[in-house]
Amino acid sequence: MQRILDIEHAIEQLSPEELHTLRAWFEERDAAEWDRQLQNDVTAGKLDSLADEALRDLHNGRCTDL
């Protein structure tokens, strides 16, 4: 927990420009982690049932065009 408090304190000391750079880095890191987890879930077949349900809905006319 102390490590987090140290990080919070360090962040509070950043200039606006440094904070902007940190935010951009964190957003990129977070997006990359999301992509990695999604790809792992796809590879593991965890989303297959959702895809099957969506295809059934499409086949049964329960979808609308965007």
PDB file of N, CA and C in Angstrom:
ATOM      1  N   MET A   1       0.824  -1.202   0.000  1.00  0.00           N
ATOM      2  CA  MET A   1       0.000   0.000   0.000  1.00  0.00           C
ATOM      3  C   MET A   1       0.869   1.268   0.000  1.00  0.00           C
ATOM      4  N   GLN A   2       1.992   1.188   0.653  1.00  0.00           N
ATOM      5  CA  GLN A   2       2.875   2.353   0.693  1.00  0.00           C
ATOM      6  C   GLN A   2       3.339   2.733  -0.703  1.00  0.00           C
ATOM      7  N   ARG A   3       3.563   1.733  -1.528  1.00  0.00           N
ATOM      8  CA  ARG A   3       4.011   1.999  -2.900  1.00  0.00           C
ATOM      9  C   ARG A   3       2.979   2.849  -3.645  1.00  0.00           C
ATOM     10  N   ILE A   4       1.709   2.517  -3.478  1.00  0.00           N
ATOM     11  CA  ILE A   4       0.630   3.278  -4.128  1.00  0.00           C
ATOM     12  C   ILE A   4       0.604   4.707  -3.591  1.00  0.00           C
ATOM     13  N   LEU A   5       0.736   4.850  -2.288  1.00  0.00           N
ATOM     14  CA  LEU A   5       0.743   6.197  -1.706  1.00  0.00           C
ATOM     15  C   LEU A   5       1.926   7.009  -2.226  1.00  0.00           C
ATOM     16  N   ASP A   6       3.073   6.352  -2.388  1.00  0.00           N
ATOM     17  CA  ASP A   6       4.244   7.043  -2.946  1.00  0.00           C
ATOM     18  C   ASP A   6       3.978   7.488  -4.383  1.00  0.00           C
ATOM     19  N   ILE A   7       3.340   6.628  -5.157  1.00  0.00           N
ATOM     20  CA  ILE A   7       3.016   6.966  -6.549  1.00  0.00           C
ATOM     21  C   ILE A   7       2.023   8.129  -6.589  1.00  0.00           C
ATOM     22  N   GLU A   8       0.999   8.060  -5.739  1.00  0.00           N
ATOM     23  CA  GLU A   8       0.026   9.151  -5.682  1.00  0.00           C
ATOM     24  C   GLU A   8       0.707  10.473  -5.347  1.00  0.00           C
ATOM     25  N   HIS A   9       1.595  10.436  -4.384  1.00  0.00           N
ATOM     26  CA  HIS A   9       2.313  11.656  -3.995  1.00  0.00           C
ATOM     27  C   HIS A   9       3.155  12.172  -5.163  1.00  0.00           C
ATOM     28  N   ALA A  10       3.841  11.276  -5.843  1.00  0.00           N
ATOM     29  CA  ALA A  10       4.675  11.678  -6.982  1.00  0.00           C
ATOM     30  C   ALA A  10       3.814  12.287  -8.086  1.00  0.00           C
ATOM     31  N   ILE A  11       2.656  11.711  -8.329  1.00  0.00           N
ATOM     32  CA  ILE A  11       1.756  12.236  -9.365  1.00  0.00           C
ATOM     33  C   ILE A  11       1.286  13.638  -8.999  1.00  0.00           C
ATOM     34  N   GLU A  12       1.002  13.849  -7.742  1.00  0.00           N
ATOM     35  CA  GLU A  12       0.554  15.173  -7.305  1.00  0.00           C
ATOM     36  C   GLU A  12       1.619  16.252  -7.530  1.00  0.00           C
ATOM     37  N   GLN A  13       2.872  15.846  -7.650  1.00  0.00           N
ATOM     38  CA  GLN A  13       3.969  16.791  -7.836  1.00  0.00           C
ATOM     39  C   GLN A  13       4.235  17.099  -9.314  1.00  0.00           C
ATOM     40  N   LEU A  14       3.564  16.417 -10.219  1.00  0.00           N
ATOM     41  CA  LEU A  14       3.814  16.597 -11.653  1.00  0.00           C
ATOM     42  C   LEU A  14       3.299  17.945 -12.141  1.00  0.00           C
ATOM     43  N   SER A  15       3.980  18.466 -13.136  1.00  0.00           N
ATOM     44  CA  SER A  15       3.505  19.671 -13.813  1.00  0.00           C
ATOM     45  C   SER A  15       2.332  19.273 -14.712  1.00  0.00           C
ATOM     46  N   PRO A  16       1.555  20.234 -15.172  1.00  0.00           N
ATOM     47  CA  PRO A  16       0.454  19.907 -16.075  1.00  0.00           C
ATOM     48  C   PRO A  16       0.931  19.150 -17.322  1.00  0.00           C
ATOM     49  N   GLU A  17       2.075  19.528 -17.859  1.00  0.00           N
ATOM     50  CA  GLU A  17       2.598  18.849 -19.046  1.00  0.00           C
ATOM     51  C   GLU A  17       2.989  17.406 -18.722  1.00  0.00           C
ATOM     52  N   GLU A  18       3.633  17.218 -17.579  1.00  0.00           N
ATOM     53  CA  GLU A  18       4.010  15.869 -17.158  1.00  0.00           C
ATOM     54  C   GLU A  18       2.782  15.010 -16.894  1.00  0.00           C
ATOM     55  N   LEU A  19       1.761  15.602 -16.303  1.00  0.00           N
ATOM     56  CA  LEU A  19       0.525  14.873 -16.034  1.00  0.00           C
ATOM     57  C   LEU A  19      -0.142  14.458 -17.340  1.00  0.00           C
ATOM     58  N   HIS A  20      -0.114  15.341 -18.321  1.00  0.00           N
ATOM     59  CA  HIS A  20      -0.662  15.021 -19.642  1.00  0.00           C
ATOM     60  C   HIS A  20       0.088  13.839 -20.256  1.00  0.00           C
ATOM     61  N   THR A  21       1.403  13.847 -20.157  1.00  0.00           N
ATOM     62  CA  THR A  21       2.221  12.764 -20.692  1.00  0.00           C
ATOM     63  C   THR A  21       1.924  11.458 -19.962  1.00  0.00           C
ATOM     64  N   LEU A  22       1.793  11.521 -18.646  1.00  0.00           N
ATOM     65  CA  LEU A  22       1.465  10.328 -17.859  1.00  0.00           C
ATOM     66  C   LEU A  22       0.099   9.774 -18.248  1.00  0.00           C
ATOM     67  N   ARG A  23      -0.884  10.660 -18.402  1.00  0.00           N
ATOM     68  CA  ARG A  23      -2.223  10.214 -18.803  1.00  0.00           C
ATOM     69  C   ARG A  23      -2.183   9.499 -20.152  1.00  0.00           C
ATOM     70  N   ALA A  24      -1.480  10.077 -21.092  1.00  0.00           N
ATOM     71  CA  ALA A  24      -1.387   9.465 -22.423  1.00  0.00           C
ATOM     72  C   ALA A  24      -0.721   8.108 -22.332  1.00  0.00           C
ATOM     73  N   TRP A  25       0.351   8.005 -21.571  1.00  0.00           N
ATOM     74  CA  TRP A  25       1.043   6.717 -21.397  1.00  0.00           C
ATOM     75  C   TRP A  25       0.111   5.692 -20.768  1.00  0.00           C
ATOM     76  N   PHE A  26      -0.618   6.117 -19.722  1.00  0.00           N
ATOM     77  CA  PHE A  26      -1.492   5.184 -19.020  1.00  0.00           C
ATOM     78  C   PHE A  26      -2.649   4.724 -19.916  1.00  0.00           C
ATOM     79  N   GLU A  27      -3.213   5.639 -20.680  1.00  0.00           N
ATOM     80  CA  GLU A  27      -4.297   5.270 -21.595  1.00  0.00           C
ATOM     81  C   GLU A  27      -3.820   4.254 -22.620  1.00  0.00           C
ATOM     82  N   GLU A  28      -2.620   4.458 -23.161  1.00  0.00           N
ATOM     83  CA  GLU A  28      -2.062   3.504 -24.128  1.00  0.00           C
ATOM     84  C   GLU A  28      -1.808   2.152 -23.474  1.00  0.00           C
ATOM     85  N   ARG A  29      -1.267   2.177 -22.268  1.00  0.00           N
ATOM     86  CA  ARG A  29      -0.993   0.931 -21.541  1.00  0.00           C
ATOM     87  C   ARG A  29      -2.294   0.195 -21.230  1.00  0.00           C
ATOM     88  N   ASP A  30      -3.284   0.927 -20.787  1.00  0.00           N
ATOM     89  CA  ASP A  30      -4.574   0.344 -20.445  1.00  0.00           C
ATOM     90  C   ASP A  30      -5.245  -0.258 -21.683  1.00  0.00           C
ATOM     91  N   ALA A  31      -5.182   0.450 -22.797  1.00  0.00           N
ATOM     92  CA  ALA A  31      -5.772  -0.058 -24.044  1.00  0.00           C
ATOM     93  C   ALA A  31      -5.052  -1.308 -24.515  1.00  0.00           C
ATOM     94  N   ALA A  32      -3.729  -1.329 -24.392  1.00  0.00           N
ATOM     95  CA  ALA A  32      -2.965  -2.514 -24.807  1.00  0.00           C
ATOM     96  C   ALA A  32      -3.323  -3.709 -23.933  1.00  0.00           C
ATOM     97  N   GLU A  33      -3.515  -3.492 -22.642  1.00  0.00           N
ATOM     98  CA  GLU A  33      -3.905  -4.580 -21.740  1.00  0.00           C
ATOM     99  C   GLU A  33      -5.302  -5.084 -22.098  1.00  0.00           C
ATOM    100  N   TRP A  34      -6.216  -4.172 -22.406  1.00  0.00           N
ATOM    101  CA  TRP A  34      -7.568  -4.548 -22.824  1.00  0.00           C
ATOM    102  C   TRP A  34      -7.508  -5.404 -24.085  1.00  0.00           C
ATOM    103  N   ASP A  35      -6.732  -4.968 -25.064  1.00  0.00           N
ATOM    104  CA  ASP A  35      -6.594  -5.718 -26.314  1.00  0.00           C
ATOM    105  C   ASP A  35      -6.016  -7.100 -26.071  1.00  0.00           C
ATOM    106  N   ARG A  36      -4.997  -7.187 -25.197  1.00  0.00           N
ATOM    107  CA  ARG A  36      -4.374  -8.478 -24.882  1.00  0.00           C
ATOM    108  C   ARG A  36      -5.384  -9.419 -24.232  1.00  0.00           C
ATOM    109  N   GLN A  37      -6.145  -8.901 -23.272  1.00  0.00           N
ATOM    110  CA  GLN A  37      -7.130  -9.740 -22.583  1.00  0.00           C
ATOM    111  C   GLN A  37      -8.236 -10.173 -23.533  1.00  0.00           C
ATOM    112  N   LEU A  38      -8.702  -9.275 -24.382  1.00  0.00           N
ATOM    113  CA  LEU A  38      -9.734  -9.624 -25.350  1.00  0.00           C
ATOM    114  C   LEU A  38      -9.237 -10.705 -26.296  1.00  0.00           C
ATOM    115  N   GLN A  39      -8.016 -10.562 -26.790  1.00  0.00           N
ATOM    116  CA  GLN A  39      -7.456 -11.567 -27.683  1.00  0.00           C
ATOM    117  C   GLN A  39      -7.321 -12.917 -26.977  1.00  0.00           C
ATOM    118  N   ASN A  40      -6.900 -12.901 -25.726  1.00  0.00           N
ATOM    119  CA  ASN A  40      -6.818 -14.149 -24.962  1.00  0.00           C
ATOM    120  C   ASN A  40      -8.190 -14.795 -24.811  1.00  0.00           C
ATOM    121  N   ASP A  41      -9.211 -13.986 -24.543  1.00  0.00           N
ATOM    122  CA  ASP A  41     -10.570 -14.512 -24.398  1.00  0.00           C
ATOM    123  C   ASP A  41     -11.086 -15.083 -25.715  1.00  0.00           C
ATOM    124  N   VAL A  42     -10.803 -14.398 -26.823  1.00  0.00           N
ATOM    125  CA  VAL A  42     -11.215 -14.894 -28.141  1.00  0.00           C
ATOM    126  C   VAL A  42     -10.529 -16.222 -28.429  1.00  0.00           C
ATOM    127  N   THR A  43      -9.228 -16.266 -28.204  1.00  0.00           N
ATOM    128  CA  THR A  43      -8.464 -17.487 -28.467  1.00  0.00           C
ATOM    129  C   THR A  43      -8.959 -18.646 -27.610  1.00  0.00           C
ATOM    130  N   ALA A  44      -9.340 -18.353 -26.379  1.00  0.00           N
ATOM    131  CA  ALA A  44      -9.815 -19.392 -25.464  1.00  0.00           C
ATOM    132  C   ALA A  44     -11.266 -19.783 -25.730  1.00  0.00           C
ATOM    133  N   GLY A  45     -11.929 -19.085 -26.654  1.00  0.00           N
ATOM    134  CA  GLY A  45     -13.314 -19.414 -26.981  1.00  0.00           C
ATOM    135  C   GLY A  45     -14.334 -18.860 -26.005  1.00  0.00           C
ATOM    136  N   LYS A  46     -13.920 -17.946 -25.140  1.00  0.00           N
ATOM    137  CA  LYS A  46     -14.830 -17.416 -24.123  1.00  0.00           C
ATOM    138  C   LYS A  46     -15.948 -16.560 -24.698  1.00  0.00           C
ATOM    139  N   LEU A  47     -15.785 -16.102 -25.943  1.00  0.00           N
ATOM    140  CA  LEU A  47     -16.803 -15.244 -26.547  1.00  0.00           C
ATOM    141  C   LEU A  47     -17.647 -15.972 -27.586  1.00  0.00           C
ATOM    142  N   ASP A  48     -17.373 -17.244 -27.776  1.00  0.00           N
ATOM    143  CA  ASP A  48     -18.081 -18.004 -28.809  1.00  0.00           C
ATOM    144  C   ASP A  48     -19.595 -18.007 -28.595  1.00  0.00           C
ATOM    145  N   SER A  49     -20.033 -18.170 -27.350  1.00  0.00           N
ATOM    146  CA  SER A  49     -21.474 -18.218 -27.102  1.00  0.00           C
ATOM    147  C   SER A  49     -22.133 -16.879 -27.435  1.00  0.00           C
ATOM    148  N   LEU A  50     -21.435 -15.779 -27.185  1.00  0.00           N
ATOM    149  CA  LEU A  50     -21.981 -14.462 -27.521  1.00  0.00           C
ATOM    150  C   LEU A  50     -22.075 -14.284 -29.037  1.00  0.00           C
ATOM    151  N   ALA A  51     -21.053 -14.745 -29.743  1.00  0.00           N
ATOM    152  CA  ALA A  51     -21.082 -14.658 -31.206  1.00  0.00           C
ATOM    153  C   ALA A  51     -22.211 -15.515 -31.761  1.00  0.00           C
ATOM    154  N   ASP A  52     -22.376 -16.713 -31.215  1.00  0.00           N
ATOM    155  CA  ASP A  52     -23.455 -17.592 -31.666  1.00  0.00           C
ATOM    156  C   ASP A  52     -24.819 -16.947 -31.431  1.00  0.00           C
ATOM    157  N   GLU A  53     -24.991 -16.337 -30.277  1.00  0.00           N
ATOM    158  CA  GLU A  53     -26.261 -15.674 -29.967  1.00  0.00           C
ATOM    159  C   GLU A  53     -26.518 -14.521 -30.937  1.00  0.00           C
ATOM    160  N   ALA A  54     -25.489 -13.733 -31.226  1.00  0.00           N
ATOM    161  CA  ALA A  54     -25.644 -12.609 -32.152  1.00  0.00           C
ATOM    162  C   ALA A  54     -26.001 -13.104 -33.549  1.00  0.00           C
ATOM    163  N   LEU A  55     -25.381 -14.177 -33.983  1.00  0.00           N
ATOM    164  CA  LEU A  55     -25.697 -14.730 -35.308  1.00  0.00           C
ATOM    165  C   LEU A  55     -27.115 -15.286 -35.354  1.00  0.00           C
ATOM    166  N   ARG A  56     -27.561 -15.913 -34.280  1.00  0.00           N
ATOM    167  CA  ARG A  56     -28.954 -16.390 -34.217  1.00  0.00           C
ATOM    168  C   ARG A  56     -29.920 -15.214 -34.299  1.00  0.00           C
ATOM    169  N   ASP A  57     -29.626 -14.151 -33.548  1.00  0.00           N
ATOM    170  CA  ASP A  57     -30.480 -12.969 -33.583  1.00  0.00           C
ATOM    171  C   ASP A  57     -30.529 -12.381 -34.987  1.00  0.00           C
ATOM    172  N   LEU A  58     -29.405 -12.314 -35.659  1.00  0.00           N
ATOM    173  CA  LEU A  58     -29.360 -11.802 -37.021  1.00  0.00           C
ATOM    174  C   LEU A  58     -30.193 -12.684 -37.942  1.00  0.00           C
ATOM    175  N   HIS A  59     -29.998 -13.992 -37.847  1.00  0.00           N
ATOM    176  CA  HIS A  59     -30.726 -14.942 -38.692  1.00  0.00           C
ATOM    177  C   HIS A  59     -32.232 -14.860 -38.445  1.00  0.00           C
ATOM    178  N   ASN A  60     -32.634 -14.592 -37.191  1.00  0.00           N
ATOM    179  CA  ASN A  60     -34.055 -14.546 -36.827  1.00  0.00           C
ATOM    180  C   ASN A  60     -34.653 -13.151 -36.952  1.00  0.00           C
ATOM    181  N   GLY A  61     -33.913 -12.229 -37.548  1.00  0.00           N
ATOM    182  CA  GLY A  61     -34.449 -10.892 -37.809  1.00  0.00           C
ATOM    183  C   GLY A  61     -34.564 -10.026 -36.571  1.00  0.00           C
ATOM    184  N   ARG A  62     -33.808 -10.289 -35.574  1.00  0.00           N
ATOM    185  CA  ARG A  62     -33.875  -9.485 -34.344  1.00  0.00           C
ATOM    186  C   ARG A  62     -32.766  -8.453 -34.262  1.00  0.00           C
ATOM    187  N   CYS A  63     -32.289  -8.005 -35.426  1.00  0.00           N
ATOM    188  CA  CYS A  63     -31.243  -6.977 -35.486  1.00  0.00           C
ATOM    189  C   CYS A  63     -31.726  -5.824 -36.357  1.00  0.00           C
ATOM    190  N   THR A  64     -31.189  -4.656 -36.080  1.00  0.00           N
ATOM    191  CA  THR A  64     -31.506  -3.507 -36.921  1.00  0.00           C
ATOM    192  C   THR A  64     -30.204  -2.930 -37.469  1.00  0.00           C
ATOM    193  N   ASP A  65     -30.285  -2.345 -38.647  1.00  0.00           N
ATOM    194  CA  ASP A  65     -29.131  -1.705 -39.238  1.00  0.00           C
ATOM    195  C   ASP A  65     -28.792  -0.446 -38.483  1.00  0.00           C
ATOM    196  N   LEU A  66     -27.524  -0.171 -38.390  1.00  0.00           N
ATOM    197  CA  LEU A  66     -27.091   1.061 -37.695  1.00  0.00           C
ATOM    198  C   LEU A  66     -27.011   2.205 -38.673  1.00  0.00           C
TER     199      LEU A  66
END
